[in-house]
Amino acid sequence: MTKIGWIIFITAVVVGLGSLIAWARISNPPLDVSGIDANVAISASEKNGNIADHVTGKVDSKVVLIEYGDYQCPGCGSAAPYVQQLMEEYNDKIAFIFRNFPLTSIHPNAKAAAATAEAAGLQGKYWEMNHHLYQAQSEWSSASVKDRTNTFNGYASSLGLDLKKFEQDIASAEVAKKINFDQAIGKRESVSATPTFVLNGKKVSEETADGITKGNLDAIKKEIDALLK
């Protein structure tokens, strides 16, 4: 191919890619989450697939702890049992909200795991699946698509879920909307890593968050106690 031919070819490729990107933006416009208060439990709506925030503890508490998490994230997995420990202590005093923030570029199974939890939630078993996914993280984190599907179906069966409905819900537009909505809220709130904890609208410091992942809850408990006074 001549030099001019290469220039024409490269130009055509660039123009073609630009057209594809423009079409993708038109057909899949960014989700508008402006005007939504991210610091309280978000109700079900068309934007989040009619799936409300998952809340445990005292729903109407004046103290709200939010985690933006990734089920395949090792740090999130380490933090999970200590978050549970924290909630057992403050159960009737504070609210805890978990929002999906799968980092798919480095955790290829994270989004499927998020869909698994959301699908379980549609049968009333969200927190049971949430806990199990973290407890068994090593079983599925590096699994192939086929193996992770079988593994997640096994978890659903162990929780007594209707497997046919579970499989349908995992692939549903509603569950996809919920995950995308959580991510959009997180990005708007400048979340870029997991786990990210937010306490009453203020992002928890890296030092305090690191303490949660390592089981040192002194710092986060001090902040919570101050807000409860």
C-alpha atoms as a PDB file:
ATOM      1  CA  MET A   1       0.000   0.000   0.000  1.00  0.00           C
ATOM      2  CA  THR A   2       1.310   3.453  -0.931  1.00  0.00           C
ATOM      3  CA  LYS A   3       1.858   6.226   1.609  1.00  0.00           C
ATOM      4  CA  ILE A   4      -1.268   8.025   0.401  1.00  0.00           C
ATOM      5  CA  GLY A   5      -3.200   4.781   0.638  1.00  0.00           C
ATOM      6  CA  TRP A   6      -2.126   4.316   4.255  1.00  0.00           C
ATOM      7  CA  ILE A   7      -3.163   7.874   5.080  1.00  0.00           C
ATOM      8  CA  ILE A   8      -6.589   7.300   3.545  1.00  0.00           C
ATOM      9  CA  PHE A   9      -6.943   3.980   5.385  1.00  0.00           C
ATOM     10  CA  ILE A  10      -5.964   5.426   8.772  1.00  0.00           C
ATOM     11  CA  THR A  11      -8.275   8.405   8.257  1.00  0.00           C
ATOM     12  CA  ALA A  12     -11.154   6.078   7.441  1.00  0.00           C
ATOM     13  CA  VAL A  13     -10.472   4.025  10.583  1.00  0.00           C
ATOM     14  CA  VAL A  14     -10.365   7.136  12.778  1.00  0.00           C
ATOM     15  CA  VAL A  15     -13.586   8.472  11.276  1.00  0.00           C
ATOM     16  CA  GLY A  16     -15.236   5.080  11.687  1.00  0.00           C
ATOM     17  CA  LEU A  17     -14.238   4.812  15.339  1.00  0.00           C
ATOM     18  CA  GLY A  18     -15.460   8.336  15.953  1.00  0.00           C
ATOM     19  CA  SER A  19     -18.807   7.480  14.434  1.00  0.00           C
ATOM     20  CA  LEU A  20     -19.105   4.367  16.581  1.00  0.00           C
ATOM     21  CA  ILE A  21     -18.322   6.331  19.739  1.00  0.00           C
ATOM     22  CA  ALA A  22     -20.825   9.023  18.804  1.00  0.00           C
ATOM     23  CA  TRP A  23     -23.493   6.397  18.093  1.00  0.00           C
ATOM     24  CA  ALA A  24     -22.802   4.676  21.420  1.00  0.00           C
ATOM     25  CA  ARG A  25     -23.232   7.963  23.269  1.00  0.00           C
ATOM     26  CA  ILE A  26     -26.492   8.676  21.483  1.00  0.00           C
ATOM     27  CA  SER A  27     -27.935   5.177  21.983  1.00  0.00           C
ATOM     28  CA  ASN A  28     -26.622   4.862  25.567  1.00  0.00           C
ATOM     29  CA  PRO A  29     -26.589   8.389  27.013  1.00  0.00           C
ATOM     30  CA  PRO A  30     -24.922   8.929  30.419  1.00  0.00           C
ATOM     31  CA  LEU A  31     -27.322   8.295  33.280  1.00  0.00           C
ATOM     32  CA  ASP A  32     -28.545  11.541  34.781  1.00  0.00           C
ATOM     33  CA  VAL A  33     -28.324  11.269  38.568  1.00  0.00           C
ATOM     34  CA  SER A  34     -28.300  14.996  39.254  1.00  0.00           C
ATOM     35  CA  GLY A  35     -30.660  16.079  41.988  1.00  0.00           C
ATOM     36  CA  ILE A  36     -30.462  12.718  43.777  1.00  0.00           C
ATOM     37  CA  ASP A  37     -29.345  12.831  47.411  1.00  0.00           C
ATOM     38  CA  ALA A  38     -26.610  10.214  47.658  1.00  0.00           C
ATOM     39  CA  ASN A  39     -26.304  10.493  51.426  1.00  0.00           C
ATOM     40  CA  VAL A  40     -29.617   8.851  52.296  1.00  0.00           C
ATOM     41  CA  ALA A  41     -31.313   5.625  51.261  1.00  0.00           C
ATOM     42  CA  ILE A  42     -32.428   6.024  47.647  1.00  0.00           C
ATOM     43  CA  SER A  43     -35.932   4.819  46.851  1.00  0.00           C
ATOM     44  CA  ALA A  44     -36.871   2.602  43.913  1.00  0.00           C
ATOM     45  CA  SER A  45     -37.401   4.404  40.603  1.00  0.00           C
ATOM     46  CA  GLU A  46     -37.214   3.828  36.884  1.00  0.00           C
ATOM     47  CA  LYS A  47     -33.573   4.967  36.918  1.00  0.00           C
ATOM     48  CA  ASN A  48     -32.425   2.217  39.292  1.00  0.00           C
ATOM     49  CA  GLY A  49     -34.578  -0.518  37.796  1.00  0.00           C
ATOM     50  CA  ASN A  50     -37.147  -0.049  40.549  1.00  0.00           C
ATOM     51  CA  ILE A  51     -34.669  -1.557  43.017  1.00  0.00           C
ATOM     52  CA  ALA A  52     -34.157   0.622  46.088  1.00  0.00           C
ATOM     53  CA  ASP A  53     -30.974   0.910  48.125  1.00  0.00           C
ATOM     54  CA  HIS A  54     -30.269  -2.087  50.336  1.00  0.00           C
ATOM     55  CA  VAL A  55     -30.255  -0.955  53.957  1.00  0.00           C
ATOM     56  CA  THR A  56     -29.571  -2.794  57.164  1.00  0.00           C
ATOM     57  CA  GLY A  57     -29.800  -1.425  60.695  1.00  0.00           C
ATOM     58  CA  LYS A  58     -32.054   1.493  61.606  1.00  0.00           C
ATOM     59  CA  VAL A  59     -33.344   2.738  58.265  1.00  0.00           C
ATOM     60  CA  ASP A  60     -34.302   6.217  59.517  1.00  0.00           C
ATOM     61  CA  SER A  61     -31.201   6.735  61.644  1.00  0.00           C
ATOM     62  CA  LYS A  62     -29.496  10.114  61.739  1.00  0.00           C
ATOM     63  CA  VAL A  63     -26.220   8.262  61.152  1.00  0.00           C
ATOM     64  CA  VAL A  64     -25.791   6.644  57.733  1.00  0.00           C
ATOM     65  CA  LEU A  65     -22.741   4.627  56.693  1.00  0.00           C
ATOM     66  CA  ILE A  66     -22.498   3.863  52.981  1.00  0.00           C
ATOM     67  CA  GLU A  67     -20.076   1.486  51.284  1.00  0.00           C
ATOM     68  CA  TYR A  68     -19.311   1.556  47.582  1.00  0.00           C
ATOM     69  CA  GLY A  69     -18.039  -1.958  47.092  1.00  0.00           C
ATOM     70  CA  ASP A  70     -16.820  -4.507  44.566  1.00  0.00           C
ATOM     71  CA  TYR A  71     -17.478  -8.168  45.376  1.00  0.00           C
ATOM     72  CA  GLN A  72     -14.214  -9.276  43.744  1.00  0.00           C
ATOM     73  CA  CYS A  73     -12.132  -6.631  45.529  1.00  0.00           C
ATOM     74  CA  PRO A  74      -9.817  -8.241  48.127  1.00  0.00           C
ATOM     75  CA  GLY A  75     -10.041  -5.174  50.349  1.00  0.00           C
ATOM     76  CA  CYS A  76     -13.840  -5.288  50.292  1.00  0.00           C
ATOM     77  CA  GLY A  77     -13.690  -8.977  51.115  1.00  0.00           C
ATOM     78  CA  SER A  78     -11.424  -8.276  54.084  1.00  0.00           C
ATOM     79  CA  ALA A  79     -13.660  -5.461  55.308  1.00  0.00           C
ATOM     80  CA  ALA A  80     -16.939  -7.396  54.995  1.00  0.00           C
ATOM     81  CA  PRO A  81     -16.835  -9.356  58.276  1.00  0.00           C
ATOM     82  CA  TYR A  82     -15.789  -6.259  60.194  1.00  0.00           C
ATOM     83  CA  VAL A  83     -18.609  -4.216  58.676  1.00  0.00           C
ATOM     84  CA  GLN A  84     -20.938  -6.979  59.861  1.00  0.00           C
ATOM     85  CA  GLN A  85     -19.335  -6.798  63.305  1.00  0.00           C
ATOM     86  CA  LEU A  86     -19.870  -3.041  63.339  1.00  0.00           C
ATOM     87  CA  MET A  87     -23.525  -3.441  62.427  1.00  0.00           C
ATOM     88  CA  GLU A  88     -24.082  -6.073  65.102  1.00  0.00           C
ATOM     89  CA  GLU A  89     -22.892  -3.515  67.634  1.00  0.00           C
ATOM     90  CA  TYR A  90     -24.822  -0.538  66.241  1.00  0.00           C
ATOM     91  CA  ASN A  91     -27.719  -2.425  64.639  1.00  0.00           C
ATOM     92  CA  ASP A  92     -30.562  -0.368  66.122  1.00  0.00           C
ATOM     93  CA  LYS A  93     -28.669   2.929  66.027  1.00  0.00           C
ATOM     94  CA  ILE A  94     -27.260   3.441  62.530  1.00  0.00           C
ATOM     95  CA  ALA A  95     -28.099   2.601  58.932  1.00  0.00           C
ATOM     96  CA  PHE A  96     -25.711   0.808  56.584  1.00  0.00           C
ATOM     97  CA  ILE A  97     -26.141   0.968  52.822  1.00  0.00           C
ATOM     98  CA  PHE A  98     -24.193  -1.084  50.281  1.00  0.00           C
ATOM     99  CA  ARG A  99     -23.904   0.200  46.706  1.00  0.00           C
ATOM    100  CA  ASN A 100     -22.384  -1.614  43.762  1.00  0.00           C
ATOM    101  CA  PHE A 101     -19.164  -0.250  42.318  1.00  0.00           C
ATOM    102  CA  PRO A 102     -17.635  -3.119  40.311  1.00  0.00           C
ATOM    103  CA  LEU A 103     -14.197  -2.253  38.918  1.00  0.00           C
ATOM    104  CA  THR A 104     -14.634  -4.349  35.799  1.00  0.00           C
ATOM    105  CA  SER A 105     -11.310  -3.376  34.222  1.00  0.00           C
ATOM    106  CA  ILE A 106      -9.440  -5.299  36.921  1.00  0.00           C
ATOM    107  CA  HIS A 107     -12.181  -7.549  38.322  1.00  0.00           C
ATOM    108  CA  PRO A 108     -13.930  -9.328  35.424  1.00  0.00           C
ATOM    109  CA  ASN A 109     -16.320 -11.265  37.670  1.00  0.00           C
ATOM    110  CA  ALA A 110     -17.347  -8.320  39.854  1.00  0.00           C
ATOM    111  CA  LYS A 111     -20.352  -7.211  37.819  1.00  0.00           C
ATOM    112  CA  ALA A 112     -21.727 -10.750  37.579  1.00  0.00           C
ATOM    113  CA  ALA A 113     -21.372 -11.051  41.355  1.00  0.00           C
ATOM    114  CA  ALA A 114     -23.219  -7.762  41.827  1.00  0.00           C
ATOM    115  CA  ALA A 115     -26.008  -9.062  39.589  1.00  0.00           C
ATOM    116  CA  THR A 116     -26.092 -12.235  41.673  1.00  0.00           C
ATOM    117  CA  ALA A 117     -26.666 -10.253  44.869  1.00  0.00           C
ATOM    118  CA  GLU A 118     -29.297  -8.054  43.248  1.00  0.00           C
ATOM    119  CA  ALA A 119     -31.117 -11.074  41.811  1.00  0.00           C
ATOM    120  CA  ALA A 120     -31.119 -12.700  45.246  1.00  0.00           C
ATOM    121  CA  GLY A 121     -32.493  -9.447  46.641  1.00  0.00           C
ATOM    122  CA  LEU A 122     -35.505  -9.718  44.354  1.00  0.00           C
ATOM    123  CA  GLN A 123     -36.338 -12.889  46.293  1.00  0.00           C
ATOM    124  CA  GLY A 124     -35.677 -11.341  49.699  1.00  0.00           C
ATOM    125  CA  LYS A 125     -32.181 -12.755  50.180  1.00  0.00           C
ATOM    126  CA  TYR A 126     -29.953  -9.794  49.380  1.00  0.00           C
ATOM    127  CA  TRP A 127     -27.876  -9.650  52.543  1.00  0.00           C
ATOM    128  CA  GLU A 128     -27.537 -13.426  52.727  1.00  0.00           C
ATOM    129  CA  MET A 129     -26.054 -13.443  49.224  1.00  0.00           C
ATOM    130  CA  ASN A 130     -23.973 -10.349  49.902  1.00  0.00           C
ATOM    131  CA  HIS A 131     -22.343 -12.025  52.880  1.00  0.00           C
ATOM    132  CA  HIS A 132     -21.879 -15.344  51.089  1.00  0.00           C
ATOM    133  CA  LEU A 133     -20.219 -13.789  48.044  1.00  0.00           C
ATOM    134  CA  TYR A 134     -17.611 -12.205  50.279  1.00  0.00           C
ATOM    135  CA  GLN A 135     -17.145 -15.258  52.470  1.00  0.00           C
ATOM    136  CA  ALA A 136     -16.599 -17.448  49.386  1.00  0.00           C
ATOM    137  CA  GLN A 137     -14.725 -14.836  47.329  1.00  0.00           C
ATOM    138  CA  SER A 138     -11.791 -17.171  46.640  1.00  0.00           C
ATOM    139  CA  GLU A 139     -14.139 -19.772  45.108  1.00  0.00           C
ATOM    140  CA  TRP A 140     -15.280 -17.603  42.197  1.00  0.00           C
ATOM    141  CA  SER A 141     -13.008 -14.578  41.834  1.00  0.00           C
ATOM    142  CA  SER A 142     -10.793 -16.205  39.188  1.00  0.00           C
ATOM    143  CA  ALA A 143     -13.447 -18.517  37.722  1.00  0.00           C
ATOM    144  CA  SER A 144     -14.373 -18.715  34.048  1.00  0.00           C
ATOM    145  CA  VAL A 145     -17.779 -17.454  32.924  1.00  0.00           C
ATOM    146  CA  LYS A 146     -19.159 -21.001  32.887  1.00  0.00           C
ATOM    147  CA  ASP A 147     -17.710 -21.908  36.282  1.00  0.00           C
ATOM    148  CA  ARG A 148     -18.831 -18.711  37.981  1.00  0.00           C
ATOM    149  CA  THR A 149     -22.366 -19.224  36.642  1.00  0.00           C
ATOM    150  CA  ASN A 150     -22.474 -22.722  38.100  1.00  0.00           C
ATOM    151  CA  THR A 151     -21.020 -21.449  41.367  1.00  0.00           C
ATOM    152  CA  PHE A 152     -23.496 -18.585  41.700  1.00  0.00           C
ATOM    153  CA  ASN A 153     -26.387 -20.908  40.843  1.00  0.00           C
ATOM    154  CA  GLY A 154     -25.155 -23.181  43.613  1.00  0.00           C
ATOM    155  CA  TYR A 155     -25.256 -20.300  46.070  1.00  0.00           C
ATOM    156  CA  ALA A 156     -28.794 -19.462  44.956  1.00  0.00           C
ATOM    157  CA  SER A 157     -29.884 -23.059  45.496  1.00  0.00           C
ATOM    158  CA  SER A 158     -28.311 -23.136  48.950  1.00  0.00           C
ATOM    159  CA  LEU A 159     -30.384 -20.060  49.873  1.00  0.00           C
ATOM    160  CA  GLY A 160     -33.551 -21.743  48.668  1.00  0.00           C
ATOM    161  CA  LEU A 161     -34.129 -19.375  45.760  1.00  0.00           C
ATOM    162  CA  ASP A 162     -36.286 -20.106  42.733  1.00  0.00           C
ATOM    163  CA  LEU A 163     -33.441 -20.883  40.331  1.00  0.00           C
ATOM    164  CA  LYS A 164     -35.369 -20.129  37.146  1.00  0.00           C
ATOM    165  CA  LYS A 165     -36.389 -16.684  38.408  1.00  0.00           C
ATOM    166  CA  PHE A 166     -32.883 -16.099  39.746  1.00  0.00           C
ATOM    167  CA  GLU A 167     -31.317 -16.788  36.339  1.00  0.00           C
ATOM    168  CA  GLN A 168     -33.849 -14.530  34.621  1.00  0.00           C
ATOM    169  CA  ASP A 169     -33.280 -11.712  37.105  1.00  0.00           C
ATOM    170  CA  ILE A 170     -29.490 -11.833  36.771  1.00  0.00           C
ATOM    171  CA  ALA A 171     -29.821 -11.089  33.066  1.00  0.00           C
ATOM    172  CA  SER A 172     -32.675  -8.601  33.462  1.00  0.00           C
ATOM    173  CA  ALA A 173     -32.655  -4.953  32.447  1.00  0.00           C
ATOM    174  CA  GLU A 174     -33.792  -4.025  35.968  1.00  0.00           C
ATOM    175  CA  VAL A 175     -30.736  -5.519  37.655  1.00  0.00           C
ATOM    176  CA  ALA A 176     -28.438  -3.973  35.045  1.00  0.00           C
ATOM    177  CA  LYS A 177     -30.051  -0.583  35.682  1.00  0.00           C
ATOM    178  CA  LYS A 178     -29.547  -0.925  39.430  1.00  0.00           C
ATOM    179  CA  ILE A 179     -25.841  -1.667  39.067  1.00  0.00           C
ATOM    180  CA  ASN A 180     -25.329   1.124  36.527  1.00  0.00           C
ATOM    181  CA  PHE A 181     -27.247   3.535  38.750  1.00  0.00           C
ATOM    182  CA  ASP A 182     -25.088   2.731  41.784  1.00  0.00           C
ATOM    183  CA  GLN A 183     -21.958   3.244  39.692  1.00  0.00           C
ATOM    184  CA  ALA A 184     -23.243   6.557  38.354  1.00  0.00           C
ATOM    185  CA  ILE A 185     -23.968   7.786  41.883  1.00  0.00           C
ATOM    186  CA  GLY A 186     -20.510   6.659  42.993  1.00  0.00           C
ATOM    187  CA  LYS A 187     -18.753   8.400  40.120  1.00  0.00           C
ATOM    188  CA  ARG A 188     -20.709  11.582  40.796  1.00  0.00           C
ATOM    189  CA  GLU A 189     -19.519  11.379  44.400  1.00  0.00           C
ATOM    190  CA  SER A 190     -15.895  10.999  43.201  1.00  0.00           C
ATOM    191  CA  VAL A 191     -15.590   7.337  44.145  1.00  0.00           C
ATOM    192  CA  SER A 192     -12.656   5.774  42.290  1.00  0.00           C
ATOM    193  CA  ALA A 193     -11.590   2.850  44.458  1.00  0.00           C
ATOM    194  CA  THR A 194     -13.132   0.181  46.650  1.00  0.00           C
ATOM    195  CA  PRO A 195     -14.033  -0.068  49.387  1.00  0.00           C
ATOM    196  CA  THR A 196     -15.017   3.582  49.760  1.00  0.00           C
ATOM    197  CA  PHE A 197     -16.963   4.420  52.899  1.00  0.00           C
ATOM    198  CA  VAL A 198     -19.072   7.536  53.355  1.00  0.00           C
ATOM    199  CA  LEU A 199     -20.346   8.548  56.784  1.00  0.00           C
ATOM    200  CA  ASN A 200     -23.141  11.137  56.863  1.00  0.00           C
ATOM    201  CA  GLY A 201     -22.080  12.553  53.519  1.00  0.00           C
ATOM    202  CA  LYS A 202     -18.377  12.717  54.311  1.00  0.00           C
ATOM    203  CA  LYS A 203     -15.920  10.302  52.752  1.00  0.00           C
ATOM    204  CA  VAL A 204     -14.147   8.303  55.454  1.00  0.00           C
ATOM    205  CA  SER A 205     -10.387   8.863  55.504  1.00  0.00           C
ATOM    206  CA  GLU A 206      -8.075   6.280  53.962  1.00  0.00           C
ATOM    207  CA  GLU A 207      -6.611   5.588  57.396  1.00  0.00           C
ATOM    208  CA  THR A 208     -10.021   4.893  58.927  1.00  0.00           C
ATOM    209  CA  ALA A 209     -11.105   2.798  55.930  1.00  0.00           C
ATOM    210  CA  ASP A 210      -7.868   0.824  56.127  1.00  0.00           C
ATOM    211  CA  GLY A 211      -8.633   0.176  59.783  1.00  0.00           C
ATOM    212  CA  ILE A 212     -12.001  -1.329  58.816  1.00  0.00           C
ATOM    213  CA  THR A 213     -10.379  -3.701  56.310  1.00  0.00           C
ATOM    214  CA  LYS A 214      -7.927  -4.835  58.990  1.00  0.00           C
ATOM    215  CA  GLY A 215     -10.437  -5.173  61.804  1.00  0.00           C
ATOM    216  CA  ASN A 216      -9.412  -2.083  63.732  1.00  0.00           C
ATOM    217  CA  LEU A 217     -12.761  -0.358  64.235  1.00  0.00           C
ATOM    218  CA  ASP A 218     -11.680   2.189  66.833  1.00  0.00           C
ATOM    219  CA  ALA A 219     -11.512   5.152  64.441  1.00  0.00           C
ATOM    220  CA  ILE A 220     -14.840   4.537  62.679  1.00  0.00           C
ATOM    221  CA  LYS A 221     -16.577   3.845  66.001  1.00  0.00           C
ATOM    222  CA  LYS A 222     -15.226   7.104  67.404  1.00  0.00           C
ATOM    223  CA  GLU A 223     -16.716   8.987  64.432  1.00  0.00           C
ATOM    224  CA  ILE A 224     -20.049   7.174  64.706  1.00  0.00           C
ATOM    225  CA  ASP A 225     -20.273   7.748  68.459  1.00  0.00           C
ATOM    226  CA  ALA A 226     -19.648  11.465  67.986  1.00  0.00           C
ATOM    227  CA  LEU A 227     -22.498  11.667  65.468  1.00  0.00           C
ATOM    228  CA  LEU A 228     -24.863   9.759  67.744  1.00  0.00           C
ATOM    229  CA  LYS A 229     -24.436  12.200  70.621  1.00  0.00           C
END
